Protein backbone atom coordinates (compact mmCIF):
# COMPACT_ATOMS: atom_id res chain seq x y z
CA MET A 1 142.02 214.60 -55.69
CA ALA A 2 143.97 214.48 -59.05
CA SER A 3 142.69 215.20 -62.21
CA GLY A 4 143.28 214.46 -65.84
CA GLY A 5 143.91 211.10 -67.18
CA PHE A 6 146.78 210.35 -67.11
CA HIS A 7 148.31 207.33 -66.07
CA SER A 8 151.89 205.57 -66.80
CA GLU A 9 150.46 203.26 -69.62
CA ASP A 10 150.29 206.78 -71.07
CA TYR A 11 153.99 207.53 -71.14
CA SER A 12 157.59 205.95 -72.28
CA THR A 13 160.04 205.92 -70.60
CA PRO A 14 163.45 206.65 -72.54
CA PRO A 15 167.00 205.35 -72.29
CA VAL A 16 167.99 207.53 -68.92
CA SER A 17 170.64 210.63 -70.38
CA SER A 18 173.03 211.21 -68.33
CA GLU A 19 171.98 214.93 -68.06
CA GLU A 20 169.01 213.22 -65.97
CA TRP A 21 171.12 210.83 -63.51
CA LYS A 22 173.70 214.08 -62.68
CA SER A 23 170.79 216.49 -62.02
CA LEU A 24 169.56 213.61 -59.84
CA TRP A 25 173.23 212.47 -58.41
CA ASP A 26 173.61 216.28 -57.15
CA LEU A 27 171.26 217.46 -55.41
CA PRO A 28 172.21 217.44 -51.89
CA TYR A 29 168.90 215.06 -50.68
CA VAL A 30 168.74 212.53 -52.04
CA GLY A 31 168.13 209.85 -49.75
CA LYS A 32 165.56 206.50 -50.87
CA ALA A 33 164.07 209.42 -53.08
CA LEU A 34 167.65 208.12 -56.02
CA THR A 35 166.40 204.64 -55.16
CA ILE A 36 162.20 205.18 -55.56
CA TRP A 37 162.58 207.90 -58.56
CA TRP A 38 165.95 205.36 -60.32
CA ARG A 39 163.05 202.75 -59.91
CA LEU A 40 160.57 205.43 -61.57
CA LEU A 41 162.32 206.21 -64.19
CA HIS A 42 162.80 202.21 -65.10
CA ARG A 43 159.40 200.98 -64.64
CA LYS A 44 160.52 198.51 -61.12
CA LEU A 45 158.78 200.28 -58.73
CA PRO A 46 156.44 197.76 -56.74
CA SER A 47 153.55 198.68 -57.39
CA ARG A 48 150.66 196.84 -57.01
CA MET A 49 149.53 196.04 -60.80
CA ARG A 50 153.40 195.39 -62.13
CA LEU A 51 153.32 193.09 -58.64
CA HIS A 52 150.28 191.11 -60.51
CA THR A 53 151.71 190.88 -63.39
CA TRP A 54 155.05 189.87 -62.54
CA TYR A 55 153.73 186.72 -59.76
CA GLY A 56 149.41 186.30 -60.81
CA LEU A 57 149.13 187.92 -57.46
CA PRO A 58 145.55 187.78 -56.56
CA ASN A 59 144.58 191.74 -55.90
CA GLN A 60 144.65 191.95 -59.43
CA GLY A 61 146.85 195.15 -59.43
CA LEU A 62 144.50 197.33 -58.27
CA CYS A 63 145.04 200.14 -55.16
CA HIS A 64 144.00 199.25 -51.85
CA ALA A 65 143.61 202.66 -50.89
CA CYS A 66 141.07 202.88 -54.17
CA PRO A 67 140.00 199.56 -54.76
CA ASP A 68 138.42 200.35 -58.63
CA THR A 69 141.89 201.55 -60.07
CA PRO A 70 144.59 200.06 -61.12
CA GLU A 71 147.64 200.69 -59.15
CA THR A 72 150.30 202.04 -62.40
CA ASP A 73 153.26 203.68 -60.70
CA LEU A 74 152.47 207.41 -61.79
CA HIS A 75 149.49 205.70 -59.62
CA LEU A 76 150.92 204.89 -56.12
CA ILE A 77 153.63 207.90 -56.53
CA ALA A 78 151.69 210.51 -57.60
CA SER A 79 147.85 210.23 -58.47
CA CYS A 80 146.21 208.05 -55.85
CA PRO A 81 144.51 210.78 -53.74
CA LEU A 82 146.47 209.59 -50.56
CA ALA A 83 150.18 210.77 -52.57
CA TRP A 84 147.90 213.16 -54.12
CA GLN A 85 147.47 214.88 -50.89
CA LYS A 86 151.15 215.83 -50.39
CA TRP A 87 152.13 217.13 -54.79
CA SER A 88 148.88 219.47 -54.22
CA SER A 89 149.05 220.74 -51.39
CA PHE A 90 153.27 221.38 -51.69
CA PHE A 91 152.61 222.11 -55.44
CA PRO A 92 149.07 224.13 -55.42
CA ALA A 93 149.26 225.25 -59.05
CA LYS A 94 150.33 222.40 -60.48
CA ASN A 95 148.40 220.19 -62.67
CA LEU A 96 149.19 215.35 -62.27
CA GLU A 97 150.33 216.07 -65.42
CA GLU A 98 152.69 218.44 -64.25
CA ILE A 99 154.39 216.65 -61.78
CA ALA A 100 154.27 213.62 -64.12
CA ARG A 101 156.39 215.67 -66.92
CA GLY A 102 158.69 216.41 -63.47
CA LEU A 103 158.83 213.14 -62.21
CA LEU A 104 160.03 211.15 -65.91
CA SER A 105 162.18 213.78 -66.73
CA PRO A 106 164.40 215.39 -63.54
CA SER A 107 166.32 218.22 -65.22
CA SER A 108 163.34 220.01 -66.61
CA LEU A 109 162.40 220.95 -62.60
CA PRO A 110 164.75 223.77 -61.23
CA VAL A 111 167.25 222.64 -58.46
CA GLU A 112 164.62 223.43 -55.29
CA ASP A 113 161.81 221.77 -57.46
CA ARG A 114 163.79 218.51 -57.57
CA LEU A 115 164.47 218.47 -54.04
CA SER A 116 160.87 219.38 -52.81
CA PHE A 117 159.96 216.04 -55.82
CA ALA A 118 162.35 214.24 -54.04
CA LYS A 119 161.20 214.67 -50.11
CA ILE A 120 157.57 214.50 -51.32
CA MET A 121 158.00 210.80 -52.32
CA SER A 122 159.97 210.21 -49.81
CA ASP A 123 157.44 210.80 -47.43
CA VAL A 124 154.64 209.32 -50.61
CA TRP A 125 156.68 205.62 -50.08
CA SER A 126 157.18 205.87 -46.85
CA ALA A 127 153.40 206.11 -46.13
CA TYR A 128 151.98 203.79 -48.82
CA TRP A 129 154.86 201.34 -46.89
CA ALA A 130 152.69 201.87 -44.16
CA ARG A 131 149.53 201.69 -45.11
CA SER A 132 151.05 198.62 -47.15
CA PHE A 133 151.65 196.83 -43.88
CA ALA A 134 148.85 198.01 -41.42
CA ALA A 135 146.34 196.57 -43.73
CA ASP A 136 148.24 193.36 -44.16
CA THR A 137 148.04 192.81 -40.76
């Protein structure tokens, strides 16, 4: 399970520099991961917390996998235990803060790690929506 107290409210997203975008656009594999990364960097992910804030949805912004935890952007992408399984299995030596730093500043990552982050985000995103639709049926 992810440890530490790193939550989305702990970061302030600076304007995304051209260097950050170039570091993403230059990847040979981007697919939907580029859209996910763009949404994360611009605080546009449809996390339950955000949907609750925007639309007043009755879920109170809580994660459906860990119902006592607000589903913030970083919780959805990295710190939810279901997401953290993927991150920690691929990057066992990295903690949540290191993963979050890389997510919020992709140009700080080596190209190989950017590719891995893109793949993991894509996998987490797909699993998240599969769980969401299964929970709603």
